[in-house]
Amino acid sequence: MKFKAEIDVMPLDALLDPQGKAVTNSMKNIGLAEIDGVRIGRHVRLFVDAASIEIAESKVEEACKKLLSNQIMESFSYTVTSV
């Protein structure tokens, strides 16, 4: 079966996010001062061939831990659905 994974990788809340800070400051400059606390991350979409959704999820988890995120500085979340 084929599965689609949607993965979000974000900097940990305890760490500075210079890109998010720059965007937050720019919001004020364009008249959107009510927007605050912007954090910038990445979104990854991938497809997995697996016998079951559980196996697909374990492969996505492994990919996130080994390649797609730096667990010292980032967290990740994902959803896996059948295609």
N, C-alpha and C. Protein backbone atom coordinates (compact mmCIF):
# COMPACT_ATOMS: atom_id res chain seq x y z
N MET A 1 0.84 -1.18 0.00
CA MET A 1 0.00 0.00 0.00
C MET A 1 0.88 1.24 0.00
N LYS A 2 0.31 2.32 -0.46
CA LYS A 2 1.03 3.59 -0.48
C LYS A 2 0.41 4.53 0.55
N PHE A 3 1.28 5.22 1.31
CA PHE A 3 0.85 6.15 2.33
C PHE A 3 1.51 7.50 2.11
N LYS A 4 0.80 8.55 2.51
CA LYS A 4 1.35 9.91 2.43
C LYS A 4 1.60 10.40 3.84
N ALA A 5 2.79 10.96 4.05
CA ALA A 5 3.13 11.55 5.36
C ALA A 5 3.28 13.05 5.19
N GLU A 6 2.68 13.78 6.11
CA GLU A 6 2.82 15.24 6.19
C GLU A 6 3.57 15.51 7.50
N ILE A 7 4.76 16.09 7.40
CA ILE A 7 5.64 16.25 8.55
C ILE A 7 5.91 17.73 8.78
N ASP A 8 5.81 18.16 10.01
CA ASP A 8 6.17 19.52 10.40
C ASP A 8 7.36 19.45 11.35
N VAL A 9 8.40 20.22 11.03
CA VAL A 9 9.59 20.30 11.85
C VAL A 9 9.70 21.74 12.33
N MET A 10 9.78 21.92 13.65
CA MET A 10 9.80 23.26 14.25
C MET A 10 10.95 23.38 15.23
N PRO A 11 11.51 24.60 15.37
CA PRO A 11 12.52 24.79 16.40
C PRO A 11 11.88 24.60 17.79
N LEU A 12 12.65 24.08 18.72
CA LEU A 12 12.15 23.91 20.08
C LEU A 12 11.77 25.27 20.67
N ASP A 13 10.73 25.29 21.47
CA ASP A 13 10.24 26.54 22.06
C ASP A 13 11.30 27.23 22.92
N ALA A 14 12.18 26.45 23.53
CA ALA A 14 13.18 27.02 24.43
C ALA A 14 14.31 27.72 23.67
N LEU A 15 14.40 27.51 22.36
CA LEU A 15 15.49 28.09 21.57
C LEU A 15 15.04 29.34 20.83
N LEU A 16 15.99 30.21 20.59
CA LEU A 16 15.72 31.40 19.78
C LEU A 16 15.38 30.98 18.36
N ASP A 17 14.51 31.75 17.72
CA ASP A 17 14.16 31.53 16.32
C ASP A 17 14.36 32.87 15.61
N PRO A 18 15.58 33.13 15.10
CA PRO A 18 15.85 34.43 14.48
C PRO A 18 14.93 34.77 13.32
N GLN A 19 14.58 33.77 12.50
CA GLN A 19 13.66 34.03 11.38
C GLN A 19 12.29 34.41 11.90
N GLY A 20 11.80 33.69 12.89
CA GLY A 20 10.50 34.01 13.47
C GLY A 20 10.49 35.39 14.10
N LYS A 21 11.58 35.73 14.78
CA LYS A 21 11.69 37.06 15.40
C LYS A 21 11.66 38.16 14.34
N ALA A 22 12.38 37.96 13.23
CA ALA A 22 12.39 38.95 12.15
C ALA A 22 11.00 39.12 11.54
N VAL A 23 10.29 38.01 11.35
CA VAL A 23 8.94 38.09 10.79
C VAL A 23 8.00 38.77 11.78
N THR A 24 8.12 38.44 13.06
CA THR A 24 7.29 39.09 14.08
C THR A 24 7.49 40.60 14.05
N ASN A 25 8.75 41.03 14.00
CA ASN A 25 9.04 42.47 13.94
C ASN A 25 8.50 43.11 12.67
N SER A 26 8.58 42.39 11.56
CA SER A 26 8.07 42.92 10.29
C SER A 26 6.55 43.06 10.29
N MET A 27 5.87 42.22 11.04
CA MET A 27 4.41 42.31 11.13
C MET A 27 4.00 43.69 11.64
N LYS A 28 4.72 44.19 12.62
CA LYS A 28 4.43 45.52 13.17
C LYS A 28 4.62 46.59 12.10
N ASN A 29 5.66 46.42 11.28
CA ASN A 29 5.97 47.40 10.25
C ASN A 29 4.93 47.46 9.14
N ILE A 30 4.18 46.39 8.95
CA ILE A 30 3.17 46.38 7.88
C ILE A 30 1.74 46.50 8.43
N GLY A 31 1.65 46.94 9.68
CA GLY A 31 0.34 47.21 10.26
C GLY A 31 -0.36 46.01 10.85
N LEU A 32 0.39 44.96 11.17
CA LEU A 32 -0.20 43.76 11.75
C LEU A 32 0.39 43.50 13.14
N ALA A 33 0.40 44.53 13.97
CA ALA A 33 1.01 44.45 15.30
C ALA A 33 0.35 43.41 16.20
N GLU A 34 -0.89 43.03 15.89
CA GLU A 34 -1.58 42.05 16.73
C GLU A 34 -1.04 40.63 16.51
N ILE A 35 -0.20 40.42 15.49
CA ILE A 35 0.41 39.11 15.26
C ILE A 35 1.74 39.08 15.99
N ASP A 36 1.93 38.05 16.82
CA ASP A 36 3.12 37.96 17.66
C ASP A 36 3.54 36.50 17.78
N GLY A 37 4.76 36.28 18.20
CA GLY A 37 5.23 34.92 18.50
C GLY A 37 5.38 34.03 17.28
N VAL A 38 5.79 34.57 16.16
CA VAL A 38 5.95 33.78 14.94
C VAL A 38 7.14 32.83 15.10
N ARG A 39 6.96 31.58 14.71
CA ARG A 39 8.02 30.58 14.68
C ARG A 39 8.07 30.03 13.26
N ILE A 40 9.26 29.93 12.71
CA ILE A 40 9.44 29.45 11.34
C ILE A 40 10.00 28.03 11.38
N GLY A 41 9.37 27.13 10.65
CA GLY A 41 9.83 25.74 10.57
C GLY A 41 9.77 25.25 9.13
N ARG A 42 9.68 23.94 8.98
CA ARG A 42 9.63 23.33 7.65
C ARG A 42 8.45 22.36 7.58
N HIS A 43 7.94 22.20 6.38
CA HIS A 43 6.91 21.20 6.13
C HIS A 43 7.45 20.25 5.07
N VAL A 44 7.37 18.95 5.33
CA VAL A 44 7.86 17.93 4.41
C VAL A 44 6.72 16.99 4.09
N ARG A 45 6.54 16.68 2.82
CA ARG A 45 5.56 15.67 2.40
C ARG A 45 6.34 14.56 1.72
N LEU A 46 6.03 13.33 2.08
CA LEU A 46 6.68 12.20 1.43
C LEU A 46 5.70 11.04 1.32
N PHE A 47 6.06 10.09 0.48
CA PHE A 47 5.23 8.91 0.28
C PHE A 47 6.01 7.67 0.68
N VAL A 48 5.30 6.72 1.28
CA VAL A 48 5.93 5.49 1.79
C VAL A 48 5.15 4.30 1.25
N ASP A 49 5.88 3.32 0.71
CA ASP A 49 5.28 2.03 0.37
C ASP A 49 5.47 1.11 1.57
N ALA A 50 4.37 0.63 2.14
CA ALA A 50 4.45 -0.23 3.32
C ALA A 50 3.24 -1.15 3.36
N ALA A 51 3.37 -2.24 4.09
CA ALA A 51 2.29 -3.22 4.19
C ALA A 51 1.13 -2.74 5.06
N SER A 52 1.42 -1.83 6.00
CA SER A 52 0.37 -1.33 6.90
C SER A 52 0.69 0.10 7.32
N ILE A 53 -0.31 0.77 7.89
CA ILE A 53 -0.09 2.14 8.34
C ILE A 53 0.90 2.17 9.51
N GLU A 54 0.89 1.13 10.35
CA GLU A 54 1.82 1.08 11.47
C GLU A 54 3.27 1.02 10.99
N ILE A 55 3.52 0.23 9.95
CA ILE A 55 4.87 0.15 9.40
C ILE A 55 5.25 1.47 8.74
N ALA A 56 4.31 2.08 8.03
CA ALA A 56 4.57 3.39 7.40
C ALA A 56 4.91 4.43 8.47
N GLU A 57 4.16 4.45 9.56
CA GLU A 57 4.42 5.40 10.64
C GLU A 57 5.79 5.17 11.25
N SER A 58 6.18 3.92 11.42
CA SER A 58 7.51 3.64 12.00
C SER A 58 8.62 4.09 11.05
N LYS A 59 8.41 3.96 9.75
CA LYS A 59 9.41 4.43 8.77
C LYS A 59 9.50 5.96 8.78
N VAL A 60 8.36 6.62 8.89
CA VAL A 60 8.35 8.09 8.95
C VAL A 60 9.04 8.56 10.23
N GLU A 61 8.74 7.93 11.33
CA GLU A 61 9.38 8.26 12.62
C GLU A 61 10.90 8.12 12.51
N GLU A 62 11.33 7.03 11.91
CA GLU A 62 12.77 6.80 11.75
C GLU A 62 13.41 7.86 10.85
N ALA A 63 12.73 8.22 9.76
CA ALA A 63 13.24 9.26 8.86
C ALA A 63 13.36 10.60 9.58
N CYS A 64 12.36 10.92 10.39
CA CYS A 64 12.38 12.18 11.14
C CYS A 64 13.53 12.21 12.12
N LYS A 65 13.74 11.12 12.83
CA LYS A 65 14.78 11.07 13.86
C LYS A 65 16.18 11.05 13.26
N LYS A 66 16.34 10.34 12.13
CA LYS A 66 17.68 10.15 11.56
C LYS A 66 18.09 11.21 10.55
N LEU A 67 17.12 11.87 9.90
CA LEU A 67 17.49 12.75 8.80
C LEU A 67 16.75 14.08 8.77
N LEU A 68 15.45 14.07 8.98
CA LEU A 68 14.64 15.26 8.72
C LEU A 68 14.66 16.29 9.84
N SER A 69 15.06 15.90 11.04
CA SER A 69 15.10 16.87 12.14
C SER A 69 16.37 16.70 12.95
N ASN A 70 16.79 17.78 13.57
CA ASN A 70 17.89 17.77 14.52
C ASN A 70 17.23 17.78 15.90
N GLN A 71 17.19 16.65 16.56
CA GLN A 71 16.41 16.53 17.80
C GLN A 71 16.96 17.35 18.95
N ILE A 72 18.17 17.86 18.82
CA ILE A 72 18.73 18.74 19.84
C ILE A 72 18.06 20.11 19.76
N MET A 73 17.71 20.53 18.54
CA MET A 73 17.19 21.88 18.34
C MET A 73 15.76 21.93 17.81
N GLU A 74 15.22 20.79 17.37
CA GLU A 74 13.91 20.79 16.70
C GLU A 74 13.01 19.68 17.22
N SER A 75 11.72 19.92 17.07
CA SER A 75 10.73 18.88 17.33
C SER A 75 10.02 18.59 16.01
N PHE A 76 9.34 17.45 15.95
CA PHE A 76 8.60 17.13 14.73
C PHE A 76 7.26 16.49 15.10
N SER A 77 6.32 16.63 14.19
CA SER A 77 5.04 15.94 14.29
C SER A 77 4.66 15.53 12.88
N TYR A 78 3.83 14.51 12.78
CA TYR A 78 3.46 14.03 11.45
C TYR A 78 2.09 13.34 11.48
N THR A 79 1.52 13.26 10.30
CA THR A 79 0.32 12.45 10.09
C THR A 79 0.60 11.55 8.90
N VAL A 80 0.09 10.34 8.96
CA VAL A 80 0.24 9.39 7.87
C VAL A 80 -1.15 8.95 7.45
N THR A 81 -1.44 9.05 6.16
CA THR A 81 -2.74 8.64 5.63
C THR A 81 -2.53 7.75 4.40
N SER A 82 -3.48 6.89 4.14
CA SER A 82 -3.38 6.04 2.94
C SER A 82 -3.75 6.87 1.71
N VAL A 83 -3.12 6.53 0.61
CA VAL A 83 -3.35 7.27 -0.64
C VAL A 83 -4.19 6.41 -1.56
